[in-house]
Amino acid sequence: MNSEIIFNQDFDSKSMYVMKVFHAEVLKVWDYFTKPELLDLWWAPKPWKCETENLNFEEDGVWLYSMKGPEGEKMFSMLKYGEINEHRSFDGIDAFCDEDGKVDQNFPQTQWLIGFTGVEEGTKVSVNIHFQSEDDMKKQLEMGFEEGFKIGLNQLENIFNNLKI
């Protein structure tokens, strides 16, 4: 059972909104967004793989991870967590970086807010992504962000479908 992904871009507000309903309870979906061994299963769009280097899920903590490509490419990213409302929402600043977590200033940094809401079908996940400029937003989209993020969310949905939760 698959649900649609809503993906809206608003260049005036320099933001994207992504929403998907997962047929699983909030606590389970939350775990797949906050635990490294579960994030690594779906975060990177196949054939890429996500590998968490370190994840400290607390306010001001950091998730440092890499995405490894089929040709041996390796790109590092990090998310610095801001406010965390257990099983409801968390936010943070996302950035490309090196293997030590030093931010790469050649790429845009984005503010993410991810919300989890229990609904009749399971859990609605809402992702608000805010950019510093319209150019930063365009750059992220040109890098294939929309397609890659949708693939990742569908990979997560397939995990839940296979778990038969």
N, C-alpha and C. Protein backbone atom coordinates (compact mmCIF):
# COMPACT_ATOMS: atom_id res chain seq x y z
N MET A 1 0.85 -1.17 0.00
CA MET A 1 0.00 0.00 0.00
C MET A 1 0.90 1.24 0.00
N ASN A 2 0.84 2.02 -1.07
CA ASN A 2 1.69 3.19 -1.18
C ASN A 2 0.85 4.47 -1.12
N SER A 3 1.42 5.47 -0.49
CA SER A 3 0.75 6.76 -0.44
C SER A 3 1.54 7.78 -1.25
N GLU A 4 0.82 8.77 -1.72
CA GLU A 4 1.40 9.83 -2.54
C GLU A 4 2.35 10.71 -1.72
N ILE A 5 3.34 11.23 -2.40
CA ILE A 5 4.22 12.22 -1.78
C ILE A 5 3.82 13.58 -2.32
N ILE A 6 3.54 14.49 -1.42
CA ILE A 6 3.27 15.87 -1.82
C ILE A 6 4.61 16.61 -1.73
N PHE A 7 4.98 17.28 -2.81
CA PHE A 7 6.25 18.02 -2.86
C PHE A 7 5.97 19.37 -3.49
N ASN A 8 5.96 20.41 -2.66
CA ASN A 8 5.69 21.76 -3.15
C ASN A 8 6.93 22.63 -3.01
N GLN A 9 7.15 23.45 -4.03
CA GLN A 9 8.25 24.41 -4.02
C GLN A 9 7.65 25.82 -4.04
N ASP A 10 8.17 26.69 -3.19
CA ASP A 10 7.71 28.07 -3.16
C ASP A 10 8.93 28.97 -3.19
N PHE A 11 9.26 29.46 -4.39
CA PHE A 11 10.46 30.27 -4.54
C PHE A 11 10.33 31.62 -3.85
N ASP A 12 9.09 32.13 -3.72
CA ASP A 12 8.90 33.41 -3.02
C ASP A 12 9.33 33.31 -1.57
N SER A 13 8.99 32.21 -0.92
CA SER A 13 9.36 32.04 0.49
C SER A 13 10.65 31.24 0.65
N LYS A 14 11.28 30.88 -0.49
CA LYS A 14 12.53 30.12 -0.48
C LYS A 14 12.39 28.84 0.35
N SER A 15 11.31 28.09 0.07
CA SER A 15 11.05 26.90 0.88
C SER A 15 10.43 25.77 0.05
N MET A 16 10.58 24.57 0.59
CA MET A 16 9.93 23.39 0.04
C MET A 16 9.14 22.74 1.16
N TYR A 17 8.04 22.13 0.78
CA TYR A 17 7.21 21.40 1.73
C TYR A 17 7.01 20.00 1.15
N VAL A 18 7.32 19.00 1.97
CA VAL A 18 7.16 17.61 1.56
C VAL A 18 6.28 16.93 2.60
N MET A 19 5.31 16.14 2.13
CA MET A 19 4.43 15.43 3.05
C MET A 19 4.16 14.03 2.51
N LYS A 20 4.21 13.07 3.43
CA LYS A 20 3.89 11.69 3.08
C LYS A 20 3.28 11.02 4.30
N VAL A 21 2.30 10.16 4.06
CA VAL A 21 1.69 9.37 5.12
C VAL A 21 2.27 7.96 5.06
N PHE A 22 2.74 7.49 6.20
CA PHE A 22 3.26 6.13 6.31
C PHE A 22 2.27 5.28 7.09
N HIS A 23 2.09 4.06 6.66
CA HIS A 23 1.16 3.14 7.33
C HIS A 23 1.89 2.43 8.47
N ALA A 24 2.25 3.23 9.46
CA ALA A 24 2.95 2.74 10.65
C ALA A 24 2.70 3.75 11.77
N GLU A 25 2.84 3.29 13.01
CA GLU A 25 2.59 4.18 14.14
C GLU A 25 3.70 5.21 14.29
N VAL A 26 3.37 6.33 14.92
CA VAL A 26 4.29 7.45 15.06
C VAL A 26 5.62 7.02 15.68
N LEU A 27 5.59 6.22 16.74
CA LEU A 27 6.83 5.84 17.41
C LEU A 27 7.77 5.09 16.47
N LYS A 28 7.23 4.25 15.61
CA LYS A 28 8.05 3.49 14.67
C LYS A 28 8.64 4.41 13.61
N VAL A 29 7.81 5.30 13.06
CA VAL A 29 8.31 6.23 12.04
C VAL A 29 9.36 7.15 12.64
N TRP A 30 9.12 7.65 13.85
CA TRP A 30 10.09 8.49 14.54
C TRP A 30 11.45 7.79 14.63
N ASP A 31 11.43 6.51 15.00
CA ASP A 31 12.69 5.76 15.12
C ASP A 31 13.46 5.74 13.81
N TYR A 32 12.76 5.62 12.69
CA TYR A 32 13.43 5.56 11.39
C TYR A 32 13.99 6.91 10.94
N PHE A 33 13.64 7.97 11.65
CA PHE A 33 14.21 9.29 11.38
C PHE A 33 15.27 9.68 12.41
N THR A 34 15.41 8.90 13.48
CA THR A 34 16.28 9.34 14.57
C THR A 34 17.32 8.32 15.01
N LYS A 35 17.27 7.11 14.54
CA LYS A 35 18.23 6.08 14.93
C LYS A 35 19.12 5.73 13.75
N PRO A 36 20.44 5.79 13.94
CA PRO A 36 21.36 5.63 12.82
C PRO A 36 21.22 4.31 12.06
N GLU A 37 21.04 3.22 12.78
CA GLU A 37 20.95 1.93 12.09
C GLU A 37 19.69 1.82 11.23
N LEU A 38 18.67 2.61 11.54
CA LEU A 38 17.44 2.62 10.74
C LEU A 38 17.51 3.67 9.63
N LEU A 39 18.05 4.84 9.92
CA LEU A 39 18.24 5.88 8.90
C LEU A 39 19.07 5.35 7.74
N ASP A 40 20.12 4.60 8.07
CA ASP A 40 21.02 4.08 7.03
C ASP A 40 20.31 3.15 6.05
N LEU A 41 19.18 2.59 6.45
CA LEU A 41 18.45 1.65 5.59
C LEU A 41 17.71 2.35 4.44
N TRP A 42 17.42 3.64 4.58
CA TRP A 42 16.56 4.27 3.58
C TRP A 42 16.96 5.68 3.15
N TRP A 43 17.81 6.37 3.88
CA TRP A 43 18.03 7.80 3.64
C TRP A 43 18.60 8.09 2.25
N ALA A 44 19.51 7.28 1.76
CA ALA A 44 20.12 7.53 0.45
C ALA A 44 19.32 6.84 -0.65
N PRO A 45 19.10 7.53 -1.77
CA PRO A 45 18.37 6.88 -2.87
C PRO A 45 19.24 5.82 -3.54
N LYS A 46 18.71 4.60 -3.62
CA LYS A 46 19.47 3.51 -4.24
C LYS A 46 19.81 3.88 -5.67
N PRO A 47 21.00 3.54 -6.15
CA PRO A 47 21.96 2.58 -5.60
C PRO A 47 22.93 3.18 -4.58
N TRP A 48 22.74 4.44 -4.18
CA TRP A 48 23.58 5.04 -3.15
C TRP A 48 23.25 4.41 -1.80
N LYS A 49 24.20 4.49 -0.87
CA LYS A 49 24.00 3.97 0.48
C LYS A 49 24.37 5.04 1.50
N CYS A 50 23.59 5.12 2.54
CA CYS A 50 23.87 6.04 3.64
C CYS A 50 24.66 5.30 4.71
N GLU A 51 25.69 5.95 5.22
CA GLU A 51 26.47 5.39 6.32
C GLU A 51 26.65 6.46 7.39
N THR A 52 26.07 6.23 8.55
CA THR A 52 26.21 7.17 9.65
C THR A 52 27.59 7.03 10.26
N GLU A 53 28.27 8.17 10.37
CA GLU A 53 29.58 8.21 11.03
C GLU A 53 29.37 8.41 12.53
N ASN A 54 28.41 9.31 12.85
CA ASN A 54 28.12 9.63 14.24
C ASN A 54 26.74 10.28 14.30
N LEU A 55 25.95 9.92 15.30
CA LEU A 55 24.66 10.55 15.49
C LEU A 55 24.44 10.79 16.97
N ASN A 56 24.29 12.05 17.32
CA ASN A 56 24.01 12.46 18.69
C ASN A 56 22.67 13.18 18.65
N PHE A 57 21.58 12.42 18.82
CA PHE A 57 20.24 12.98 18.69
C PHE A 57 19.82 13.67 19.98
N GLU A 58 20.23 14.94 20.08
CA GLU A 58 19.83 15.80 21.18
C GLU A 58 20.01 17.23 20.69
N GLU A 59 19.43 18.19 21.39
CA GLU A 59 19.57 19.58 20.98
C GLU A 59 21.04 19.96 20.92
N ASP A 60 21.45 20.57 19.80
CA ASP A 60 22.84 20.92 19.48
C ASP A 60 23.70 19.71 19.14
N GLY A 61 23.10 18.53 19.08
CA GLY A 61 23.82 17.34 18.64
C GLY A 61 23.93 17.33 17.12
N VAL A 62 24.71 16.40 16.59
CA VAL A 62 24.98 16.35 15.15
C VAL A 62 24.82 14.93 14.63
N TRP A 63 24.23 14.83 13.43
CA TRP A 63 24.24 13.60 12.67
C TRP A 63 25.21 13.82 11.52
N LEU A 64 26.33 13.11 11.53
CA LEU A 64 27.33 13.17 10.47
C LEU A 64 27.23 11.86 9.70
N TYR A 65 27.02 11.97 8.40
CA TYR A 65 26.84 10.76 7.59
C TYR A 65 27.44 10.96 6.21
N SER A 66 27.62 9.85 5.53
CA SER A 66 28.08 9.92 4.14
C SER A 66 27.10 9.17 3.26
N MET A 67 27.11 9.56 2.01
CA MET A 67 26.38 8.83 0.98
C MET A 67 27.43 8.28 0.02
N LYS A 68 27.40 6.96 -0.13
CA LYS A 68 28.37 6.30 -0.99
C LYS A 68 27.68 5.88 -2.29
N GLY A 69 28.30 6.27 -3.40
CA GLY A 69 27.74 5.96 -4.71
C GLY A 69 28.24 4.65 -5.28
N PRO A 70 27.60 4.20 -6.34
CA PRO A 70 27.95 2.91 -6.96
C PRO A 70 29.33 2.90 -7.59
N GLU A 71 29.87 4.09 -7.89
CA GLU A 71 31.21 4.19 -8.50
C GLU A 71 32.27 4.51 -7.45
N GLY A 72 31.93 4.38 -6.18
CA GLY A 72 32.89 4.65 -5.11
C GLY A 72 32.88 6.09 -4.64
N GLU A 73 31.98 6.95 -5.19
CA GLU A 73 31.88 8.33 -4.74
C GLU A 73 31.47 8.33 -3.26
N LYS A 74 31.89 9.37 -2.55
CA LYS A 74 31.50 9.49 -1.15
C LYS A 74 31.31 10.97 -0.85
N MET A 75 30.09 11.33 -0.46
CA MET A 75 29.77 12.71 -0.11
C MET A 75 29.33 12.74 1.36
N PHE A 76 29.85 13.70 2.09
CA PHE A 76 29.51 13.82 3.51
C PHE A 76 28.51 14.95 3.72
N SER A 77 27.62 14.74 4.68
CA SER A 77 26.63 15.74 5.08
C SER A 77 26.46 15.68 6.58
N MET A 78 25.86 16.73 7.09
CA MET A 78 25.58 16.75 8.52
C MET A 78 24.27 17.49 8.79
N LEU A 79 23.65 17.12 9.88
CA LEU A 79 22.48 17.82 10.36
C LEU A 79 22.76 18.19 11.81
N LYS A 80 22.75 19.50 12.10
CA LYS A 80 22.91 19.95 13.49
C LYS A 80 21.51 20.17 14.04
N TYR A 81 21.18 19.36 15.06
CA TYR A 81 19.83 19.40 15.61
C TYR A 81 19.59 20.65 16.43
N GLY A 82 18.39 21.18 16.29
CA GLY A 82 17.93 22.31 17.10
C GLY A 82 16.95 21.79 18.13
N GLU A 83 15.73 22.29 18.07
CA GLU A 83 14.70 21.91 19.03
C GLU A 83 14.15 20.52 18.72
N ILE A 84 14.01 19.70 19.76
CA ILE A 84 13.45 18.35 19.62
C ILE A 84 12.24 18.24 20.53
N ASN A 85 11.09 17.90 19.93
CA ASN A 85 9.87 17.61 20.69
C ASN A 85 9.60 16.12 20.49
N GLU A 86 9.96 15.34 21.48
CA GLU A 86 9.93 13.87 21.38
C GLU A 86 8.66 13.34 20.72
N HIS A 87 8.85 12.56 19.67
CA HIS A 87 7.79 11.90 18.90
C HIS A 87 6.84 12.87 18.20
N ARG A 88 7.21 14.16 18.16
CA ARG A 88 6.34 15.15 17.50
C ARG A 88 7.08 15.89 16.38
N SER A 89 8.28 16.40 16.69
CA SER A 89 9.01 17.17 15.68
C SER A 89 10.46 17.38 16.10
N PHE A 90 11.27 17.70 15.11
CA PHE A 90 12.62 18.19 15.38
C PHE A 90 13.04 19.07 14.21
N ASP A 91 13.99 19.94 14.48
CA ASP A 91 14.51 20.78 13.42
C ASP A 91 16.03 20.76 13.45
N GLY A 92 16.61 21.35 12.43
CA GLY A 92 18.06 21.40 12.38
C GLY A 92 18.55 22.08 11.12
N ILE A 93 19.86 22.31 11.09
CA ILE A 93 20.53 22.90 9.93
C ILE A 93 21.26 21.79 9.20
N ASP A 94 20.96 21.63 7.91
CA ASP A 94 21.56 20.61 7.08
C ASP A 94 22.63 21.25 6.20
N ALA A 95 23.77 20.56 6.06
CA ALA A 95 24.86 21.11 5.25
C ALA A 95 25.73 19.99 4.70
N PHE A 96 26.31 20.23 3.53
CA PHE A 96 27.36 19.35 3.04
C PHE A 96 28.62 19.69 3.82
N CYS A 97 29.48 18.69 4.02
CA CYS A 97 30.68 18.91 4.82
C CYS A 97 31.76 17.91 4.42
N ASP A 98 32.88 17.97 5.13
CA ASP A 98 33.92 16.95 4.91
C ASP A 98 33.75 15.86 5.97
N GLU A 99 34.64 14.87 5.94
CA GLU A 99 34.51 13.73 6.85
C GLU A 99 34.66 14.11 8.32
N ASP A 100 35.17 15.32 8.59
CA ASP A 100 35.31 15.79 9.97
C ASP A 100 34.16 16.71 10.39
N GLY A 101 33.20 16.93 9.49
CA GLY A 101 32.06 17.79 9.81
C GLY A 101 32.29 19.26 9.53
N LYS A 102 33.39 19.60 8.84
CA LYS A 102 33.64 21.00 8.48
C LYS A 102 32.73 21.35 7.29
N VAL A 103 31.88 22.34 7.47
CA VAL A 103 30.86 22.71 6.48
C VAL A 103 31.52 23.18 5.18
N ASP A 104 31.01 22.68 4.05
CA ASP A 104 31.46 23.11 2.72
C ASP A 104 30.65 24.33 2.32
N GLN A 105 31.29 25.48 2.30
CA GLN A 105 30.61 26.75 2.02
C GLN A 105 30.19 26.89 0.56
N ASN A 106 30.61 25.97 -0.32
CA ASN A 106 30.21 26.02 -1.73
C ASN A 106 28.80 25.51 -1.97
N PHE A 107 28.20 24.93 -0.93
CA PHE A 107 26.85 24.38 -1.06
C PHE A 107 25.93 25.06 -0.06
N PRO A 108 24.64 25.11 -0.41
CA PRO A 108 23.69 25.77 0.48
C PRO A 108 23.48 25.02 1.79
N GLN A 109 23.28 25.77 2.86
CA GLN A 109 22.83 25.20 4.13
C GLN A 109 21.33 25.44 4.21
N THR A 110 20.62 24.48 4.75
CA THR A 110 19.17 24.59 4.81
C THR A 110 18.66 24.31 6.22
N GLN A 111 17.54 24.95 6.53
CA GLN A 111 16.86 24.75 7.81
C GLN A 111 15.74 23.75 7.57
N TRP A 112 15.76 22.66 8.32
CA TRP A 112 14.74 21.62 8.21
C TRP A 112 13.86 21.61 9.46
N LEU A 113 12.57 21.39 9.26
CA LEU A 113 11.64 21.12 10.36
C LEU A 113 10.84 19.89 9.93
N ILE A 114 10.93 18.83 10.72
CA ILE A 114 10.24 17.58 10.40
C ILE A 114 9.22 17.31 11.49
N GLY A 115 7.96 17.16 11.08
CA GLY A 115 6.87 16.93 12.02
C GLY A 115 6.24 15.56 11.82
N PHE A 116 5.78 14.97 12.90
CA PHE A 116 5.16 13.65 12.91
C PHE A 116 3.79 13.75 13.56
N THR A 117 2.76 13.39 12.82
CA THR A 117 1.39 13.51 13.32
C THR A 117 0.67 12.19 13.12
N GLY A 118 0.07 11.67 14.19
CA GLY A 118 -0.73 10.46 14.09
C GLY A 118 -2.02 10.77 13.33
N VAL A 119 -2.31 9.97 12.31
CA VAL A 119 -3.54 10.09 11.53
C VAL A 119 -4.16 8.70 11.41
N GLU A 120 -5.38 8.65 10.91
CA GLU A 120 -6.09 7.38 10.82
C GLU A 120 -5.27 6.31 10.08
N GLU A 121 -4.59 6.71 9.00
CA GLU A 121 -3.83 5.76 8.19
C GLU A 121 -2.51 5.36 8.82
N GLY A 122 -2.02 6.12 9.80
CA GLY A 122 -0.73 5.84 10.42
C GLY A 122 -0.06 7.11 10.90
N THR A 123 0.98 7.56 10.17
CA THR A 123 1.73 8.74 10.56
C THR A 123 1.95 9.66 9.37
N LYS A 124 1.57 10.92 9.53
CA LYS A 124 1.86 11.92 8.51
C LYS A 124 3.18 12.58 8.88
N VAL A 125 4.12 12.53 7.93
CA VAL A 125 5.40 13.21 8.11
C VAL A 125 5.39 14.44 7.23
N SER A 126 5.63 15.60 7.85
CA SER A 126 5.69 16.88 7.14
C SER A 126 7.11 17.41 7.25
N VAL A 127 7.69 17.77 6.11
CA VAL A 127 9.05 18.29 6.09
C VAL A 127 9.02 19.68 5.48
N ASN A 128 9.45 20.66 6.24
CA ASN A 128 9.59 22.04 5.76
C ASN A 128 11.07 22.34 5.65
N ILE A 129 11.49 22.76 4.46
CA ILE A 129 12.91 23.05 4.21
C ILE A 129 13.01 24.50 3.76
N HIS A 130 13.79 25.27 4.48
CA HIS A 130 13.95 26.70 4.17
C HIS A 130 15.38 26.99 3.74
N PHE A 131 15.50 27.78 2.68
CA PHE A 131 16.79 28.11 2.09
C PHE A 131 17.13 29.56 2.37
N GLN A 132 18.43 29.87 2.31
CA GLN A 132 18.86 31.25 2.55
C GLN A 132 18.60 32.14 1.34
N SER A 133 18.52 31.53 0.16
CA SER A 133 18.27 32.32 -1.05
C SER A 133 17.56 31.45 -2.09
N GLU A 134 16.95 32.13 -3.06
CA GLU A 134 16.30 31.43 -4.17
C GLU A 134 17.35 30.64 -4.96
N ASP A 135 18.54 31.22 -5.12
CA ASP A 135 19.62 30.52 -5.84
C ASP A 135 20.02 29.24 -5.12
N ASP A 136 20.10 29.27 -3.80
CA ASP A 136 20.42 28.06 -3.04
C ASP A 136 19.38 26.97 -3.27
N MET A 137 18.13 27.39 -3.31
CA MET A 137 17.04 26.44 -3.53
C MET A 137 17.15 25.83 -4.92
N LYS A 138 17.40 26.67 -5.92
CA LYS A 138 17.55 26.17 -7.29
C LYS A 138 18.72 25.20 -7.40
N LYS A 139 19.82 25.54 -6.74
CA LYS A 139 21.01 24.69 -6.77
C LYS A 139 20.70 23.30 -6.20
N GLN A 140 19.99 23.26 -5.09
CA GLN A 140 19.63 21.99 -4.46
C GLN A 140 18.73 21.17 -5.39
N LEU A 141 17.78 21.82 -6.03
CA LEU A 141 16.89 21.12 -6.96
C LEU A 141 17.65 20.62 -8.18
N GLU A 142 18.58 21.43 -8.69
CA GLU A 142 19.37 21.02 -9.85
C GLU A 142 20.25 19.81 -9.54
N MET A 143 20.60 19.62 -8.26
CA MET A 143 21.40 18.47 -7.85
C MET A 143 20.54 17.20 -7.75
N GLY A 144 19.25 17.31 -8.04
CA GLY A 144 18.37 16.14 -8.02
C GLY A 144 17.73 15.86 -6.68
N PHE A 145 17.64 16.90 -5.84
CA PHE A 145 17.11 16.70 -4.49
C PHE A 145 15.69 16.11 -4.49
N GLU A 146 14.80 16.68 -5.30
CA GLU A 146 13.40 16.22 -5.27
C GLU A 146 13.31 14.73 -5.58
N GLU A 147 13.90 14.32 -6.67
CA GLU A 147 13.84 12.90 -7.05
C GLU A 147 14.50 12.02 -6.00
N GLY A 148 15.67 12.43 -5.52
CA GLY A 148 16.38 11.62 -4.53
C GLY A 148 15.62 11.48 -3.22
N PHE A 149 15.02 12.59 -2.74
CA PHE A 149 14.29 12.54 -1.48
C PHE A 149 13.03 11.69 -1.62
N LYS A 150 12.35 11.81 -2.76
CA LYS A 150 11.16 10.98 -3.00
C LYS A 150 11.53 9.50 -3.03
N ILE A 151 12.64 9.17 -3.67
CA ILE A 151 13.09 7.77 -3.70
C ILE A 151 13.33 7.27 -2.27
N GLY A 152 14.02 8.08 -1.47
CA GLY A 152 14.28 7.70 -0.09
C GLY A 152 13.01 7.48 0.70
N LEU A 153 12.04 8.40 0.58
CA LEU A 153 10.77 8.23 1.30
C LEU A 153 10.02 6.99 0.85
N ASN A 154 10.07 6.69 -0.44
CA ASN A 154 9.42 5.47 -0.93
C ASN A 154 10.15 4.22 -0.45
N GLN A 155 11.47 4.31 -0.31
CA GLN A 155 12.23 3.19 0.26
C GLN A 155 11.79 2.94 1.70
N LEU A 156 11.58 4.02 2.46
CA LEU A 156 11.10 3.87 3.83
C LEU A 156 9.72 3.24 3.85
N GLU A 157 8.85 3.70 2.95
CA GLU A 157 7.51 3.11 2.88
C GLU A 157 7.59 1.62 2.60
N ASN A 158 8.48 1.21 1.71
CA ASN A 158 8.63 -0.21 1.39
C ASN A 158 9.09 -1.01 2.61
N ILE A 159 9.94 -0.41 3.44
CA ILE A 159 10.37 -1.08 4.68
C ILE A 159 9.15 -1.33 5.55
N PHE A 160 8.32 -0.31 5.75
CA PHE A 160 7.12 -0.49 6.58
C PHE A 160 6.16 -1.51 5.98
N ASN A 161 5.99 -1.49 4.66
CA ASN A 161 5.12 -2.47 4.01
C ASN A 161 5.63 -3.88 4.23
N ASN A 162 6.94 -4.05 4.16
CA ASN A 162 7.52 -5.39 4.36
C ASN A 162 7.48 -5.84 5.80
N LEU A 163 7.49 -4.88 6.75
CA LEU A 163 7.40 -5.22 8.16
C LEU A 163 5.98 -5.59 8.55
N LYS A 164 5.02 -5.18 7.72
CA LYS A 164 3.59 -5.46 7.98
C LYS A 164 3.19 -4.96 9.37
N ILE A 165 3.52 -3.70 9.65
CA ILE A 165 3.23 -3.14 10.98
C ILE A 165 1.75 -2.80 11.06
